[in-house]
Amino acid sequence: MNQSFEVAKESQLHDILFNYGVEFPCGGHARCRGCRVRIKEGHLPVTEPQKNILDDNELNKGWRLACQGSVQNDLIIELDQWKSDVLSDDSDFQFSPMDGLGVAIDLGTTTLAMQLVNRETGEVLAVETDINPQAKYGGDIMTRIDAASRLVKQNEMQLLIRSKLNDMIINLFHSSNEKNSRLKRIIIVGNAVMHNIFCGIDVEPMGYHPFEPVSNNLELYTPSELRWDLNEDVTIEFLPGVGSFIGSDILIGAWAKKMIESDGIKVLVDLGTNGEIMIGNKDKILAASTAAGPAFEGAGISMGMRAATGAISTVMTRNGEIIPKVLGSEKARGICGSGLVDAISIYLDDGSIKADGRFLNGESIMVMDPVVITQKDIRELQLAKGAIATGIRLLLKEFNAEEKDVSEVYLSGAFGNYISKRSARRIGLLNFPQKKITTAGNTALLGAKMALFNQSKINNFYEIRDKTTHLDLSMHPDFTDVFAELVNFPIKREMV
């Protein structure tokens, strides 16, 4: 890949590269080698955590961990991750090299991400990310559905997203200097609403109970049908979902994490607006979406914002002093979801916030001038985390299992990659031991890349789809009681 971008001084490499599809297998905590970069020009200091992972020979050759670096000067870096097998974090997934190139696309409600992949070597040749242009019609799923329910608007939204993806694909080839004549296959994944809008399927039924799409099937296209500037022999597939809001994005993530091959129970949680959850093993898979709302993404919070420059992203304590970290090391402008969860976790520990969410004193707390957390902010987070925790509890109940029976928990998506596992456990978002929780990055994009390689293996994806049962949480007889229990914060718990 050959790409350049301009960033603010002291921006974290982790934050920059994550937005371009780089995976941080250990969550960016310097516990693995998955995000190695080589400094070709410029300087990136060696930190102590890196010395525990990289040997002296590697450090002397300019190798660093991207999760441990901030940009102090102009840099040219070589990314080790994209020079190796794209499936390197799933080493026992076997595939045969295939002819030509492929494009993997994660079509999100808010963001778009795609990668150009050499199917002969697994190398990622180029990456494009951008904001979904449909966002002007509404930031969350329900407002997007409301806008799309007016036929003219849905047609506009369809043309808008198709045109945007075409432009991004063209940019992939420009930045990689590859010929688009080598492109053979495109895999697209997304939630059910994004699927239906892209495919021109009426989304109005998804705006009311039981929130079921007219169709959520595999859709095949030729480039001319989409008005894409590609050779007509390119195969374009928008993979299917299950039902309601459970789309191909979380399904392909469950496939990438081998849920259907597991003896133990695995949990995959996408901590987005819809809070999609899948729980299962080789015998049975359950899925649900929750009304988590946008609090995890900083929306609906008085000084909330997305994880961008000026956002408080992490809050720690040292010798009793609260130390916030601001993205880009600039003056704080607001707080994003991970920072909010950290802050509330700390205030629960010191007693400033009670288990019911009320402040011990006053109506707000200043995290860092001028950023404050209000009583309403805490309530928004309680509702979001309560919805996720309730969804997990009820799915496990239908599985005839409890939290202790789960072998692995994967957190997907941008927020899932940033959140502290300790903080998530402290506020009661996740009621699992930290050792079982893994921040998994963009599992949707990872799965879409894997699907480019081997048709026989993608059949397992359809097996997952056929085996998955969707559970309507709002109709579950225990929903109200369980939510009432889990909306409050735990009084105190061991952070293990």
Protein backbone atom coordinates (compact mmCIF):
# COMPACT_ATOMS: atom_id res chain seq x y z
CA MET A 1 0.00 0.00 0.00
CA ASN A 2 1.24 3.48 -0.80
CA GLN A 3 -0.83 6.13 0.92
CA SER A 4 -0.21 9.43 2.71
CA PHE A 5 -2.28 11.47 5.13
CA GLU A 6 -1.85 14.64 7.13
CA VAL A 7 -2.39 14.45 10.89
CA ALA A 8 -2.01 16.71 13.91
CA LYS A 9 1.30 16.59 15.78
CA GLU A 10 1.26 14.06 18.66
CA SER A 11 -1.61 12.12 17.07
CA GLN A 12 -1.51 8.48 18.14
CA LEU A 13 -0.49 6.04 15.40
CA HIS A 14 -3.04 3.60 16.83
CA ASP A 15 -5.87 6.08 16.22
CA ILE A 16 -4.71 6.91 12.70
CA LEU A 17 -4.11 3.37 11.48
CA PHE A 18 -7.20 1.84 13.08
CA ASN A 19 -9.37 4.04 10.86
CA TYR A 20 -7.62 2.52 7.83
CA GLY A 21 -8.42 -1.05 8.75
CA VAL A 22 -5.25 -1.94 10.64
CA GLU A 23 -6.00 -4.62 13.23
CA PHE A 24 -4.70 -4.47 16.82
CA PRO A 25 -5.09 -8.08 18.02
CA CYS A 26 -4.38 -7.31 21.68
CA GLY A 27 -6.43 -4.11 21.67
CA GLY A 28 -3.39 -1.86 21.42
CA HIS A 29 -1.90 -2.81 24.80
CA ALA A 30 1.60 -3.83 23.61
CA ARG A 31 1.02 -7.50 24.36
CA CYS A 32 1.56 -8.85 20.82
CA ARG A 33 3.42 -8.12 17.57
CA GLY A 34 0.35 -7.69 15.39
CA CYS A 35 0.80 -3.95 14.70
CA ARG A 36 4.53 -3.86 13.89
CA VAL A 37 5.66 -0.98 11.69
CA ARG A 38 9.13 -0.16 10.37
CA ILE A 39 10.21 3.48 10.44
CA LYS A 40 11.72 4.19 7.03
CA GLU A 41 12.01 7.97 7.49
CA GLY A 42 11.53 10.06 10.63
CA HIS A 43 11.77 9.05 14.27
CA LEU A 44 9.52 7.13 16.65
CA PRO A 45 10.93 6.71 20.19
CA VAL A 46 11.29 3.28 21.78
CA THR A 47 9.05 2.85 24.82
CA GLU A 48 9.52 0.31 27.61
CA PRO A 49 6.55 -1.88 26.61
CA GLN A 50 8.07 -2.28 23.13
CA LYS A 51 11.31 -3.63 24.61
CA ASN A 52 9.34 -6.51 26.09
CA ILE A 53 7.94 -7.49 22.67
CA LEU A 54 10.62 -6.56 20.11
CA ASP A 55 14.24 -7.69 20.37
CA ASP A 56 17.25 -5.37 20.05
CA ASN A 57 17.88 -6.41 16.46
CA GLU A 58 14.34 -5.44 15.44
CA LEU A 59 14.48 -2.14 17.32
CA ASN A 60 17.82 -1.26 15.70
CA LYS A 61 16.30 -1.93 12.27
CA GLY A 62 13.54 0.58 12.99
CA TRP A 63 10.70 -1.75 13.97
CA ARG A 64 8.17 -0.36 16.43
CA LEU A 65 4.66 -1.15 17.71
CA ALA A 66 2.11 1.24 16.21
CA CYS A 67 -0.01 1.09 19.35
CA GLN A 68 2.82 2.69 21.34
CA GLY A 69 3.72 5.62 19.11
CA SER A 70 2.65 9.22 18.61
CA VAL A 71 3.58 11.33 15.59
CA GLN A 72 6.12 14.04 16.44
CA ASN A 73 7.48 14.61 12.92
CA ASP A 74 7.00 13.51 9.32
CA LEU A 75 7.09 9.73 9.09
CA ILE A 76 7.29 7.13 6.35
CA ILE A 77 6.36 3.74 7.74
CA GLU A 78 6.14 0.20 6.43
CA LEU A 79 3.26 -1.81 7.87
CA ASP A 80 4.20 -5.40 8.61
CA GLN A 81 0.60 -6.55 8.97
CA TRP A 82 -0.30 -5.95 5.33
CA LYS A 83 2.85 -7.65 4.04
CA SER A 84 1.86 -10.92 5.63
CA ASP A 85 -1.06 -13.27 5.14
CA VAL A 86 -4.26 -11.28 5.61
CA LEU A 87 -5.51 -14.20 7.71
CA SER A 88 -2.45 -14.29 9.97
CA ASP A 89 -4.51 -13.85 13.13
CA ASP A 90 -6.52 -16.93 12.12
CA SER A 91 -3.48 -19.04 11.28
CA ASP A 92 -5.30 -22.35 11.02
CA PHE A 93 -7.70 -20.97 8.40
CA GLN A 94 -6.38 -22.52 5.20
CA PHE A 95 -6.90 -21.09 1.73
CA SER A 96 -5.46 -21.67 -1.70
CA PRO A 97 -3.96 -18.69 -3.54
CA MET A 98 -6.33 -17.40 -6.20
CA ASP A 99 -5.91 -15.38 -9.33
CA GLY A 100 -6.36 -11.62 -9.36
CA LEU A 101 -7.47 -9.02 -6.84
CA GLY A 102 -10.42 -8.68 -4.50
CA VAL A 103 -12.11 -5.83 -2.63
CA ALA A 104 -13.63 -6.26 0.83
CA ILE A 105 -16.19 -3.63 1.90
CA ASP A 106 -17.72 -2.95 5.31
CA LEU A 107 -20.75 -0.75 4.64
CA GLY A 108 -21.52 0.75 8.04
CA THR A 109 -24.29 3.08 9.13
CA THR A 110 -21.72 5.76 9.96
CA THR A 111 -18.46 4.74 8.33
CA LEU A 112 -17.29 2.95 5.20
CA ALA A 113 -14.13 0.84 5.04
CA MET A 114 -12.67 -1.14 2.17
CA GLN A 115 -9.45 -2.91 1.34
CA LEU A 116 -7.89 -4.00 -1.96
CA VAL A 117 -6.35 -7.45 -1.50
CA ASN A 118 -3.97 -9.49 -3.64
CA ARG A 119 -5.62 -12.92 -3.68
CA GLU A 120 -2.38 -14.62 -4.67
CA THR A 121 -0.43 -13.44 -1.60
CA GLY A 122 -2.99 -12.08 0.86
CA GLU A 123 -1.28 -8.68 0.84
CA VAL A 124 -3.44 -5.61 1.45
CA LEU A 125 -2.54 -3.25 -1.38
CA ALA A 126 -4.66 -0.21 -0.51
CA VAL A 127 -7.24 0.99 1.99
CA GLU A 128 -10.03 3.55 1.82
CA THR A 129 -12.25 4.78 4.65
CA ASP A 130 -14.86 7.52 4.68
CA ILE A 131 -18.07 8.70 6.28
CA ASN A 132 -21.25 7.17 4.89
CA PRO A 133 -22.79 10.03 2.86
CA GLN A 134 -26.26 8.84 3.90
CA ALA A 135 -25.51 10.30 7.34
CA LYS A 136 -27.09 13.56 6.23
CA TYR A 137 -30.44 11.73 6.26
CA GLY A 138 -29.97 10.68 9.90
CA GLY A 139 -27.22 9.53 12.21
CA ASP A 140 -28.92 6.43 13.59
CA ILE A 141 -30.75 3.49 12.07
CA MET A 142 -34.31 4.55 12.88
CA THR A 143 -34.00 8.09 11.48
CA ARG A 144 -32.33 6.59 8.39
CA ILE A 145 -35.28 4.22 7.98
CA ASP A 146 -37.73 7.08 8.44
CA ALA A 147 -36.04 9.06 5.67
CA ALA A 148 -35.75 6.03 3.39
CA SER A 149 -39.43 5.17 3.89
CA ARG A 150 -40.21 8.01 1.53
CA LEU A 151 -39.50 6.33 -1.81
CA VAL A 152 -37.79 9.32 -3.39
CA LYS A 153 -35.40 9.54 -0.44
CA GLN A 154 -34.57 5.82 -0.56
CA ASN A 155 -33.75 6.11 -4.26
CA GLU A 156 -31.52 9.09 -3.49
CA MET A 157 -29.81 7.21 -0.67
CA GLN A 158 -29.25 4.18 -2.88
CA LEU A 159 -27.64 6.21 -5.66
CA LEU A 160 -25.58 8.14 -3.11
CA ILE A 161 -24.01 5.07 -1.49
CA ARG A 162 -23.46 3.24 -4.77
CA SER A 163 -21.71 6.27 -6.24
CA LYS A 164 -19.59 6.75 -3.12
CA LEU A 165 -18.40 3.15 -3.10
CA ASN A 166 -17.54 3.39 -6.81
CA ASP A 167 -15.40 6.46 -6.12
CA MET A 168 -13.65 4.71 -3.23
CA ILE A 169 -12.90 1.63 -5.35
CA ILE A 170 -11.39 3.88 -8.04
CA ASN A 171 -9.22 5.48 -5.34
CA LEU A 172 -8.01 2.03 -4.24
CA PHE A 173 -6.54 1.44 -7.68
CA HIS A 174 -5.10 4.94 -7.99
CA SER A 175 -3.27 4.68 -4.65
CA SER A 176 -2.00 1.14 -5.31
CA ASN A 177 -1.02 1.65 -8.97
CA GLU A 178 -2.76 -1.63 -9.72
CA LYS A 179 -4.85 -2.23 -12.84
CA ASN A 180 -8.55 -2.68 -12.19
CA SER A 181 -8.60 -5.25 -14.98
CA ARG A 182 -7.12 -7.68 -12.42
CA LEU A 183 -10.13 -7.32 -10.11
CA LYS A 184 -12.17 -10.53 -9.84
CA ARG A 185 -14.44 -10.30 -6.81
CA ILE A 186 -16.03 -7.78 -4.42
CA ILE A 187 -17.58 -8.80 -1.09
CA ILE A 188 -19.87 -6.31 0.71
CA VAL A 189 -21.18 -6.73 4.26
CA GLY A 190 -23.44 -4.50 6.34
CA ASN A 191 -26.43 -4.47 8.65
CA ALA A 192 -29.90 -5.22 7.30
CA VAL A 193 -30.84 -1.57 6.77
CA MET A 194 -27.65 -0.77 4.86
CA HIS A 195 -28.18 -3.95 2.82
CA ASN A 196 -31.74 -3.05 1.87
CA ILE A 197 -31.02 0.57 0.99
CA PHE A 198 -28.06 -0.43 -1.19
CA CYS A 199 -30.07 -3.19 -2.88
CA GLY A 200 -33.20 -1.09 -3.41
CA ILE A 201 -35.40 -3.15 -1.08
CA ASP A 202 -38.20 -1.32 0.76
CA VAL A 203 -36.99 -0.57 4.31
CA GLU A 204 -40.27 0.80 5.69
CA PRO A 205 -41.24 -2.51 7.42
CA MET A 206 -38.06 -2.25 9.49
CA GLY A 207 -39.40 0.91 11.10
CA TYR A 208 -42.06 -0.88 13.16
CA HIS A 209 -42.50 -4.12 15.08
CA PRO A 210 -41.40 -6.84 14.42
CA PHE A 211 -38.68 -4.86 12.55
CA GLU A 212 -38.23 -7.51 9.87
CA PRO A 213 -36.79 -6.74 6.42
CA VAL A 214 -38.68 -7.62 3.25
CA SER A 215 -35.57 -9.49 2.15
CA ASN A 216 -32.15 -10.07 3.65
CA ASN A 217 -30.80 -12.50 1.06
CA LEU A 218 -27.61 -12.72 -0.96
CA GLU A 219 -27.69 -10.12 -3.75
CA LEU A 220 -25.48 -10.49 -6.83
CA TYR A 221 -24.60 -7.65 -9.20
CA THR A 222 -22.60 -6.86 -12.28
CA PRO A 223 -20.68 -3.57 -12.37
CA SER A 224 -23.00 -2.15 -15.04
CA GLU A 225 -26.05 -2.73 -12.81
CA LEU A 226 -24.42 -0.57 -10.14
CA ARG A 227 -22.94 1.89 -12.68
CA TRP A 228 -19.47 1.06 -11.41
CA ASP A 229 -16.45 1.74 -13.61
CA LEU A 230 -15.15 -1.84 -13.64
CA ASN A 231 -14.85 -4.73 -16.07
CA GLU A 232 -18.12 -6.58 -16.50
CA ASP A 233 -16.66 -9.93 -15.39
CA VAL A 234 -16.20 -8.75 -11.77
CA THR A 235 -18.45 -10.64 -9.34
CA ILE A 236 -20.12 -8.38 -6.74
CA GLU A 237 -21.81 -10.00 -3.73
CA PHE A 238 -23.70 -8.33 -0.87
CA LEU A 239 -23.81 -11.12 1.69
CA PRO A 240 -27.10 -11.92 3.48
CA GLY A 241 -28.13 -11.44 7.10
CA VAL A 242 -30.46 -13.35 9.41
CA GLY A 243 -33.40 -11.14 10.28
CA SER A 244 -34.40 -7.91 11.96
CA PHE A 245 -31.23 -5.78 12.26
CA ILE A 246 -28.86 -8.77 12.29
CA GLY A 247 -26.93 -8.32 9.06
CA SER A 248 -24.00 -9.87 7.26
CA ASP A 249 -21.54 -7.64 9.14
CA ILE A 250 -21.88 -9.42 12.49
CA LEU A 251 -22.55 -12.79 10.81
CA ILE A 252 -19.28 -12.64 8.89
CA GLY A 253 -17.54 -11.59 12.11
CA ALA A 254 -18.84 -14.70 13.85
CA TRP A 255 -17.61 -16.74 10.89
CA ALA A 256 -14.17 -15.11 11.05
CA LYS A 257 -13.94 -15.96 14.75
CA LYS A 258 -14.87 -19.60 14.07
CA MET A 259 -17.98 -19.63 16.24
CA ILE A 260 -19.46 -22.52 14.27
CA GLU A 261 -16.33 -24.64 14.84
CA SER A 262 -16.11 -24.04 18.59
CA ASP A 263 -16.83 -26.59 21.30
CA GLY A 264 -17.04 -23.80 23.87
CA ILE A 265 -19.57 -20.98 23.86
CA LYS A 266 -18.32 -17.81 22.14
CA VAL A 267 -19.85 -14.34 22.41
CA LEU A 268 -19.43 -11.62 19.76
CA VAL A 269 -20.65 -8.13 20.65
CA ASP A 270 -20.72 -5.18 18.25
CA LEU A 271 -20.87 -2.16 20.54
CA GLY A 272 -22.58 0.13 18.05
CA THR A 273 -25.91 1.92 18.01
CA ASN A 274 -27.82 -1.34 17.54
CA GLY A 275 -25.72 -3.36 19.97
CA GLU A 276 -25.74 -6.58 17.95
CA ILE A 277 -24.89 -9.77 19.84
CA MET A 278 -24.22 -13.34 18.73
CA ILE A 279 -23.72 -16.27 21.09
CA GLY A 280 -23.01 -19.81 20.03
CA ASN A 281 -20.89 -22.84 19.32
CA LYS A 282 -20.85 -25.68 16.80
CA ASP A 283 -24.26 -26.89 17.98
CA LYS A 284 -26.35 -23.73 18.28
CA ILE A 285 -26.18 -19.98 17.56
CA LEU A 286 -28.44 -17.18 18.83
CA ALA A 287 -28.47 -13.52 17.79
CA ALA A 288 -30.17 -10.32 18.91
CA SER A 289 -29.96 -6.58 18.44
CA THR A 290 -30.45 -4.18 21.33
CA ALA A 291 -31.61 -0.60 21.54
CA ALA A 292 -28.26 0.48 22.92
CA GLY A 293 -28.50 3.91 21.35
CA PRO A 294 -25.56 6.06 20.30
CA ALA A 295 -24.04 6.79 23.74
CA PHE A 296 -21.05 4.51 23.07
CA GLU A 297 -20.25 6.65 20.03
CA GLY A 298 -20.48 9.88 22.06
CA ALA A 299 -23.90 10.90 20.72
CA GLY A 300 -26.63 11.95 23.13
CA ILE A 301 -23.96 12.95 25.67
CA SER A 302 -23.83 16.63 26.65
CA MET A 303 -20.18 17.02 25.60
CA GLY A 304 -19.97 13.77 23.68
CA MET A 305 -18.16 13.35 20.37
CA ARG A 306 -16.72 10.63 18.19
CA ALA A 307 -13.17 9.41 18.76
CA ALA A 308 -11.52 12.32 16.97
CA THR A 309 -8.94 14.99 17.75
CA GLY A 310 -9.85 16.78 20.97
CA ALA A 311 -11.85 13.90 22.44
CA ILE A 312 -11.03 12.52 25.88
CA SER A 313 -10.55 8.86 24.97
CA THR A 314 -9.01 7.40 28.13
CA VAL A 315 -9.20 8.31 31.81
CA MET A 316 -6.75 6.79 34.32
CA THR A 317 -5.72 7.36 37.92
CA ARG A 318 -2.18 7.65 39.23
CA ASN A 319 -1.51 8.11 42.93
CA GLY A 320 -5.07 9.27 43.40
CA GLU A 321 -4.89 11.82 40.56
CA ILE A 322 -7.28 11.54 37.62
CA ILE A 323 -5.38 11.70 34.32
CA PRO A 324 -7.43 12.06 31.10
CA LYS A 325 -5.87 11.40 27.68
CA VAL A 326 -6.95 13.60 24.77
CA LEU A 327 -6.71 12.35 21.18
CA GLY A 328 -4.21 14.41 19.23
CA SER A 329 -2.90 15.80 22.53
CA GLU A 330 -4.84 18.99 21.92
CA LYS A 331 -7.16 20.92 24.21
CA ALA A 332 -10.12 18.79 25.23
CA ARG A 333 -13.28 19.54 23.23
CA GLY A 334 -15.45 16.68 24.42
CA ILE A 335 -15.49 13.04 25.48
CA CYS A 336 -15.98 9.89 23.40
CA GLY A 337 -17.54 6.63 24.51
CA SER A 338 -14.39 4.94 25.81
CA GLY A 339 -13.47 8.02 27.85
CA LEU A 340 -16.97 8.21 29.31
CA VAL A 341 -16.86 4.55 30.38
CA ASP A 342 -13.40 5.04 31.95
CA ALA A 343 -14.47 8.17 33.81
CA ILE A 344 -17.65 6.65 35.24
CA SER A 345 -15.71 3.54 36.26
CA ILE A 346 -13.29 5.69 38.24
CA TYR A 347 -16.05 7.75 39.85
CA LEU A 348 -17.83 4.55 40.87
CA ASP A 349 -14.63 3.37 42.56
CA ASP A 350 -14.13 6.60 44.52
CA GLY A 351 -17.80 6.90 45.46
CA SER A 352 -18.54 10.07 43.48
CA ILE A 353 -21.22 8.13 41.59
CA LYS A 354 -23.56 5.70 43.37
CA ALA A 355 -24.74 2.34 42.05
CA ASP A 356 -28.07 3.83 40.94
CA GLY A 357 -26.20 6.37 38.81
CA ARG A 358 -26.78 9.42 40.97
CA PHE A 359 -23.96 11.75 41.97
CA LEU A 360 -22.98 11.73 45.62
CA ASN A 361 -22.80 15.54 45.45
CA GLY A 362 -23.95 18.04 42.85
CA GLU A 363 -25.33 17.54 39.35
CA SER A 364 -22.15 17.14 37.31
CA ILE A 365 -18.43 16.32 37.47
CA MET A 366 -15.66 18.03 35.52
CA VAL A 367 -13.38 15.44 33.95
CA MET A 368 -11.05 17.99 32.39
CA ASP A 369 -11.70 21.65 31.72
CA PRO A 370 -14.11 22.34 30.03
CA VAL A 371 -15.51 18.78 29.73
CA VAL A 372 -18.14 17.75 32.26
CA ILE A 373 -20.32 14.68 32.78
CA THR A 374 -23.93 15.37 33.74
CA GLN A 375 -26.63 13.30 35.41
CA LYS A 376 -28.30 12.86 32.02
CA ASP A 377 -25.05 11.55 30.54
CA ILE A 378 -24.83 8.86 33.19
CA ARG A 379 -28.41 7.85 32.52
CA GLU A 380 -27.73 7.57 28.78
CA LEU A 381 -24.78 5.29 29.47
CA GLN A 382 -26.81 3.22 31.92
CA LEU A 383 -29.50 2.65 29.30
CA ALA A 384 -26.92 1.66 26.68
CA LYS A 385 -24.90 -0.68 28.87
CA GLY A 386 -28.08 -2.07 30.42
CA ALA A 387 -29.40 -2.96 26.97
CA ILE A 388 -26.21 -4.81 26.00
CA ALA A 389 -25.89 -6.63 29.34
CA THR A 390 -29.57 -7.61 29.19
CA GLY A 391 -29.18 -8.92 25.65
CA ILE A 392 -26.23 -11.09 26.65
CA ARG A 393 -28.00 -12.40 29.76
CA LEU A 394 -31.19 -13.31 27.89
CA LEU A 395 -29.36 -14.98 25.01
CA LEU A 396 -27.37 -17.04 27.50
CA LYS A 397 -30.60 -17.97 29.27
CA GLU A 398 -32.07 -19.21 25.98
CA PHE A 399 -28.83 -21.13 25.53
CA ASN A 400 -29.32 -22.73 28.97
CA ALA A 401 -26.00 -21.22 29.99
CA GLU A 402 -24.54 -18.57 32.30
CA GLU A 403 -21.65 -16.10 32.05
CA LYS A 404 -19.29 -18.62 33.68
CA ASP A 405 -19.95 -21.10 30.85
CA VAL A 406 -18.59 -18.77 28.14
CA SER A 407 -15.10 -19.52 26.80
CA GLU A 408 -14.37 -16.34 24.80
CA VAL A 409 -15.89 -12.87 24.37
CA TYR A 410 -15.03 -10.73 21.32
CA LEU A 411 -15.68 -6.99 21.15
CA SER A 412 -15.92 -5.72 17.58
CA GLY A 413 -16.07 -2.30 15.99
CA ALA A 414 -14.26 0.94 16.74
CA PHE A 415 -15.70 1.40 20.22
CA GLY A 416 -15.00 -2.22 21.08
CA ASN A 417 -11.36 -1.68 20.13
CA TYR A 418 -10.93 1.39 22.33
CA ILE A 419 -12.83 0.42 25.47
CA SER A 420 -10.95 -0.68 28.58
CA LYS A 421 -11.94 -4.21 29.54
CA ARG A 422 -11.59 -3.30 33.20
CA SER A 423 -13.90 -0.30 32.82
CA ALA A 424 -16.43 -2.30 30.80
CA ARG A 425 -16.54 -4.85 33.59
CA ARG A 426 -16.69 -2.22 36.34
CA ILE A 427 -19.80 -0.52 34.96
CA GLY A 428 -21.51 -3.86 34.36
CA LEU A 429 -21.43 -3.72 30.57
CA LEU A 430 -19.64 -7.08 30.43
CA ASN A 431 -19.99 -9.56 33.27
CA PHE A 432 -17.10 -11.80 32.26
CA PRO A 433 -13.54 -12.15 33.62
CA GLN A 434 -11.16 -9.84 31.75
CA LYS A 435 -9.04 -12.80 30.62
CA LYS A 436 -11.96 -14.04 28.52
CA ILE A 437 -12.49 -10.69 26.75
CA THR A 438 -10.69 -9.87 23.48
CA THR A 439 -10.87 -6.63 21.53
CA ALA A 440 -11.24 -7.95 18.00
CA GLY A 441 -11.18 -4.82 15.82
CA ASN A 442 -13.25 -4.69 12.64
CA THR A 443 -14.39 -8.31 12.43
CA ALA A 444 -16.78 -7.41 9.60
CA LEU A 445 -13.94 -6.24 7.36
CA LEU A 446 -11.75 -9.16 8.45
CA GLY A 447 -14.50 -11.62 7.53
CA ALA A 448 -15.14 -9.92 4.19
CA LYS A 449 -11.42 -10.24 3.36
CA MET A 450 -11.44 -13.91 4.29
CA ALA A 451 -14.49 -14.47 2.07
CA LEU A 452 -12.56 -13.21 -0.97
CA PHE A 453 -10.31 -16.25 -1.01
CA ASN A 454 -12.14 -19.52 -0.85
CA GLN A 455 -15.65 -20.36 -1.99
CA SER A 456 -15.72 -23.66 -0.10
CA LYS A 457 -14.91 -21.92 3.18
CA ILE A 458 -17.57 -19.23 2.63
CA ASN A 459 -20.07 -22.08 2.65
CA ASN A 460 -19.46 -22.16 6.42
CA PHE A 461 -20.81 -18.61 6.50
CA TYR A 462 -24.09 -19.83 5.05
CA GLU A 463 -24.07 -22.67 7.56
CA ILE A 464 -23.82 -20.08 10.36
CA ARG A 465 -26.67 -18.14 8.81
CA ASP A 466 -28.89 -21.21 8.57
CA LYS A 467 -28.06 -22.27 12.13
CA THR A 468 -28.64 -18.82 13.69
CA THR A 469 -31.90 -18.11 15.49
CA HIS A 470 -32.88 -14.47 15.95
CA LEU A 471 -34.34 -13.56 19.35
CA ASP A 472 -36.64 -10.54 19.72
CA LEU A 473 -35.52 -9.25 23.12
CA SER A 474 -38.43 -6.85 23.50
CA MET A 475 -40.85 -9.79 23.49
CA HIS A 476 -38.91 -11.90 25.98
CA PRO A 477 -40.96 -12.40 29.18
CA ASP A 478 -37.94 -11.66 31.40
CA PHE A 479 -36.77 -8.55 29.55
CA THR A 480 -38.22 -5.94 31.92
CA ASP A 481 -37.00 -7.64 35.10
CA VAL A 482 -33.51 -8.36 33.78
CA PHE A 483 -33.10 -4.85 32.36
CA ALA A 484 -34.23 -3.31 35.67
CA GLU A 485 -31.57 -5.38 37.43
CA LEU A 486 -28.73 -4.64 35.02
CA VAL A 487 -29.35 -0.96 34.30
CA ASN A 488 -27.75 -0.06 37.65
CA PHE A 489 -24.01 -0.21 38.19
CA PRO A 490 -22.45 -3.04 40.23
CA ILE A 491 -21.86 -1.92 43.81
CA LYS A 492 -18.34 -3.35 43.86
CA ARG A 493 -16.59 -6.16 42.05
CA GLU A 494 -13.20 -7.77 41.73
CA MET A 495 -11.49 -6.53 38.57
CA VAL A 496 -10.18 -9.85 37.26
